[in-house]
């Protein structure tokens, strides 16, 4: 991993090996799935992080504002869900800055975290990350919920792969389609929370892993 860090910069892909785990949702906000997920998180008193696509925030600023109002962390996930590995410095800067600005305008809070779509990073990305004082997050595991295999399958996949300190990758939106269907993930969430707690885990806010945590 050190070689990748030298080329692409550091990325947080797991928390401390304790019974704390971290829920993250990518590619929103989404008109249907995001409110359903927020309702479950509120009912269960579970924190989460949402890595948002800038163009979706532009379409649904009130949803982004609600995510922030409910106390969840919002991260930058590029403006168009763009794979960055072939991009030069100026296009990367534009993708990050436009998203940063639209999130700050919608929520009143500047994001401090970034996650690359599909995990594809560029050697030119790190200088932008440093410039914007971001922490880059990856994930410990995903469960391919975007393929919509069924809510119970998503639930079982998460349960099977849970481990101490895990950063769990789920999706409340479709990176390319603002109206994409992610309701299976929303429907799986109550069971995911129940299973994790039964196994002795507690849910922690991803913000505690920010490099300049405050």
Protein backbone atom coordinates (compact mmCIF):
# COMPACT_ATOMS: atom_id res chain seq x y z
CA UNK A 1 0.00 0.00 0.00
CA UNK A 2 2.89 2.36 0.63
CA UNK A 3 3.73 2.41 -3.08
CA UNK A 4 0.19 3.45 -3.95
CA UNK A 5 0.29 6.11 -1.24
CA UNK A 6 3.45 7.59 -2.74
CA UNK A 7 1.83 7.85 -6.17
CA UNK A 8 -1.76 8.71 -5.29
CA UNK A 9 -1.55 10.06 -1.74
CA UNK A 10 -2.96 8.47 1.43
CA UNK A 11 -6.47 7.03 1.66
CA UNK A 12 -8.33 5.94 4.80
CA UNK A 13 -9.84 2.52 4.10
CA UNK A 14 -10.46 1.25 7.62
CA UNK A 15 -10.77 2.61 11.12
CA UNK A 16 -9.05 1.35 14.28
CA UNK A 17 -9.53 -2.39 14.88
CA UNK A 18 -12.21 -1.89 17.50
CA UNK A 19 -15.89 -2.81 17.56
CA UNK A 20 -16.69 0.52 15.90
CA UNK A 21 -17.82 0.42 12.27
CA UNK A 22 -18.70 3.17 9.80
CA UNK A 23 -21.61 3.36 7.37
CA UNK A 24 -21.08 5.35 4.18
CA UNK A 25 -23.44 6.06 1.27
CA UNK A 26 -22.30 7.18 -2.18
CA UNK A 27 -23.81 8.79 -5.28
CA UNK A 28 -26.72 10.73 -3.78
CA UNK A 29 -28.69 12.62 -2.94
CA UNK A 30 -31.65 10.73 -4.36
CA UNK A 31 -35.30 11.75 -4.03
CA UNK A 32 -36.53 8.36 -2.79
CA UNK A 33 -33.66 6.45 -1.20
CA UNK A 34 -31.97 9.28 0.69
CA UNK A 35 -35.05 10.23 2.77
CA UNK A 36 -35.77 6.57 3.51
CA UNK A 37 -32.20 5.99 4.65
CA UNK A 38 -32.24 9.16 6.75
CA UNK A 39 -35.44 8.02 8.46
CA UNK A 40 -33.89 4.68 9.43
CA UNK A 41 -30.69 6.31 10.65
CA UNK A 42 -32.71 8.73 12.77
CA UNK A 43 -34.92 6.00 14.23
CA UNK A 44 -31.89 3.87 15.10
CA UNK A 45 -29.66 6.79 16.16
CA UNK A 46 -26.92 5.75 13.76
CA UNK A 47 -24.44 8.22 12.20
CA UNK A 48 -23.35 7.91 8.59
CA UNK A 49 -21.36 9.69 5.90
CA UNK A 50 -22.74 10.62 2.48
CA UNK A 51 -20.35 11.15 -0.43
CA UNK A 52 -22.40 13.25 -2.81
CA UNK A 53 -22.27 13.88 -6.55
CA UNK A 54 -22.22 17.62 -7.16
CA UNK A 55 -24.75 17.63 -9.99
CA UNK A 56 -27.19 15.68 -7.81
CA UNK A 57 -26.73 18.22 -5.01
CA UNK A 58 -27.50 20.95 -7.55
CA UNK A 59 -30.76 19.15 -8.41
CA UNK A 60 -31.73 18.31 -4.82
CA UNK A 61 -30.15 20.91 -2.53
CA UNK A 62 -32.83 20.51 0.15
CA UNK A 63 -31.94 16.81 0.51
CA UNK A 64 -28.27 17.68 0.97
CA UNK A 65 -29.28 20.26 3.55
CA UNK A 66 -31.38 17.68 5.40
CA UNK A 67 -28.48 15.21 5.51
CA UNK A 68 -26.34 17.88 7.13
CA UNK A 69 -29.16 19.05 9.45
CA UNK A 70 -29.47 15.50 10.76
CA UNK A 71 -25.80 15.56 11.74
CA UNK A 72 -24.28 13.31 9.09
CA UNK A 73 -20.99 14.01 7.36
CA UNK A 74 -21.07 15.01 3.69
CA UNK A 75 -18.12 14.34 1.41
CA UNK A 76 -17.14 15.35 -2.12
CA UNK A 77 -17.65 12.63 -4.77
CA UNK A 78 -16.91 14.75 -7.89
CA UNK A 79 -19.44 16.71 -9.88
CA UNK A 80 -20.35 14.10 -12.51
CA UNK A 81 -19.24 10.85 -10.85
CA UNK A 82 -16.15 11.00 -13.04
CA UNK A 83 -13.38 8.42 -13.12
CA UNK A 84 -10.29 10.48 -12.40
CA UNK A 85 -7.48 8.16 -13.44
CA UNK A 86 -7.17 9.66 -16.93
CA UNK A 87 -7.74 13.27 -15.90
CA UNK A 88 -5.14 16.01 -15.72
CA UNK A 89 -4.82 18.57 -12.93
CA UNK A 90 -7.20 21.20 -14.31
CA UNK A 91 -10.13 18.85 -14.91
CA UNK A 92 -9.63 17.33 -11.47
CA UNK A 93 -9.57 20.77 -9.90
CA UNK A 94 -12.82 21.69 -11.68
CA UNK A 95 -14.60 18.49 -10.61
CA UNK A 96 -13.63 18.93 -6.96
CA UNK A 97 -14.12 22.68 -6.73
CA UNK A 98 -17.58 22.73 -8.37
CA UNK A 99 -18.74 20.00 -6.01
CA UNK A 100 -17.18 21.66 -2.97
CA UNK A 101 -18.95 24.91 -3.78
CA UNK A 102 -22.38 23.41 -4.47
CA UNK A 103 -22.27 21.37 -1.23
CA UNK A 104 -21.25 24.43 0.78
CA UNK A 105 -23.99 26.53 -0.84
CA UNK A 106 -26.67 23.90 -0.17
CA UNK A 107 -25.67 23.01 3.38
CA UNK A 108 -23.76 26.00 4.71
CA UNK A 109 -20.83 23.72 5.57
CA UNK A 110 -17.73 23.09 3.46
CA UNK A 111 -16.94 19.39 2.96
CA UNK A 112 -13.70 18.06 4.42
CA UNK A 113 -13.66 14.59 2.87
CA UNK A 114 -13.34 13.13 -0.62
CA UNK A 115 -13.99 9.73 -2.13
CA UNK A 116 -13.05 8.95 -5.73
CA UNK A 117 -15.78 7.38 -7.89
CA UNK A 118 -15.06 3.66 -8.26
CA UNK A 119 -11.91 4.30 -6.21
CA UNK A 120 -10.06 5.49 -9.34
CA UNK A 121 -7.50 8.11 -8.35
CA UNK A 122 -5.00 10.13 -10.36
CA UNK A 123 -1.39 11.08 -9.55
CA UNK A 124 -2.61 14.65 -10.02
CA UNK A 125 -5.30 14.29 -7.36
CA UNK A 126 -3.15 14.55 -4.25
CA UNK A 127 -2.08 18.15 -4.84
CA UNK A 128 -5.76 19.16 -5.10
CA UNK A 129 -6.54 17.20 -1.93
CA UNK A 130 -3.80 19.02 -0.06
CA UNK A 131 -4.94 22.34 -1.49
CA UNK A 132 -8.50 21.76 -0.26
CA UNK A 133 -7.47 20.22 3.10
CA UNK A 134 -9.45 17.05 2.39
CA UNK A 135 -9.10 13.59 3.85
CA UNK A 136 -9.44 10.89 1.17
CA UNK A 137 -11.59 7.90 2.09
CA UNK A 138 -11.78 4.50 0.47
CA UNK A 139 -13.68 1.59 1.98
CA UNK A 140 -13.06 -1.73 3.67
CA UNK A 141 -15.68 -3.53 1.62
CA UNK A 142 -18.64 -2.98 -0.65
CA UNK A 143 -21.47 -5.41 -1.38
CA UNK A 144 -22.41 -4.50 -4.97
CA UNK A 145 -25.75 -3.10 -3.85
CA UNK A 146 -25.84 -1.05 -7.08
CA UNK A 147 -26.61 -4.30 -8.94
CA UNK A 148 -29.88 -4.49 -6.94
CA UNK A 149 -29.58 -8.16 -5.94
CA UNK A 150 -32.41 -7.81 -3.41
CA UNK A 151 -32.60 -6.25 0.03
CA UNK A 152 -32.04 -9.52 1.88
CA UNK A 153 -28.98 -10.31 -0.24
CA UNK A 154 -27.51 -6.88 0.51
CA UNK A 155 -28.17 -7.42 4.21
CA UNK A 156 -26.51 -10.85 4.22
CA UNK A 157 -23.49 -9.64 2.29
CA UNK A 158 -22.83 -6.86 4.79
CA UNK A 159 -23.28 -9.19 7.76
CA UNK A 160 -20.89 -11.75 6.29
CA UNK A 161 -18.08 -9.25 5.75
CA UNK A 162 -18.28 -7.16 8.93
CA UNK A 163 -14.98 -6.78 10.77
CA UNK A 164 -13.65 -4.40 13.42
CA UNK A 165 -13.11 -0.88 12.11
CA UNK A 166 -14.83 -1.57 8.79
CA UNK A 167 -15.82 1.31 6.52
CA UNK A 168 -18.89 -0.07 4.73
CA UNK A 169 -19.64 1.14 1.20
CA UNK A 170 -23.35 1.41 0.31
CA UNK A 171 -25.24 3.65 -2.12
CA UNK A 172 -28.19 6.01 -1.69
CA UNK A 173 -28.02 7.17 -5.31
CA UNK A 174 -26.89 6.37 -8.84
CA UNK A 175 -23.81 8.31 -9.86
CA UNK A 176 -25.05 8.83 -13.40
CA UNK A 177 -28.83 8.86 -13.07
CA UNK A 178 -30.28 11.32 -10.54
CA UNK A 179 -33.47 9.25 -10.42
CA UNK A 180 -31.73 5.88 -10.13
CA UNK A 181 -33.36 3.26 -7.90
CA UNK A 182 -31.52 2.51 -4.65
CA UNK A 183 -34.53 1.50 -2.57
CA UNK A 184 -33.20 -2.03 -2.04
CA UNK A 185 -30.32 -0.52 -0.08
CA UNK A 186 -32.75 1.58 1.93
CA UNK A 187 -34.87 -1.51 2.63
CA UNK A 188 -31.81 -3.51 3.68
CA UNK A 189 -30.58 -0.91 6.15
CA UNK A 190 -32.72 -1.77 9.22
CA UNK A 191 -31.54 -5.38 9.03
CA UNK A 192 -27.93 -4.34 8.49
CA UNK A 193 -28.06 -2.26 11.66
CA UNK A 194 -29.80 -5.01 13.62
CA UNK A 195 -27.28 -7.67 12.53
CA UNK A 196 -24.27 -5.51 13.34
CA UNK A 197 -25.51 -4.64 16.81
CA UNK A 198 -26.36 -8.28 17.50
CA UNK A 199 -22.75 -9.12 16.58
CA UNK A 200 -21.46 -6.59 19.11
CA UNK A 201 -20.61 -3.66 16.84
CA UNK A 202 -21.44 -0.03 17.37
CA UNK A 203 -21.79 2.60 14.65
CA UNK A 204 -19.40 5.54 14.73
CA UNK A 205 -19.24 8.76 12.70
CA UNK A 206 -16.69 8.69 9.88
CA UNK A 207 -15.78 12.24 10.82
CA UNK A 208 -13.73 10.87 13.71
CA UNK A 209 -11.28 9.53 11.08
CA UNK A 210 -10.70 12.91 9.41
CA UNK A 211 -7.00 13.71 9.35
CA UNK A 212 -7.64 17.06 11.03
CA UNK A 213 -10.41 15.85 13.30
CA UNK A 214 -11.94 18.51 15.49
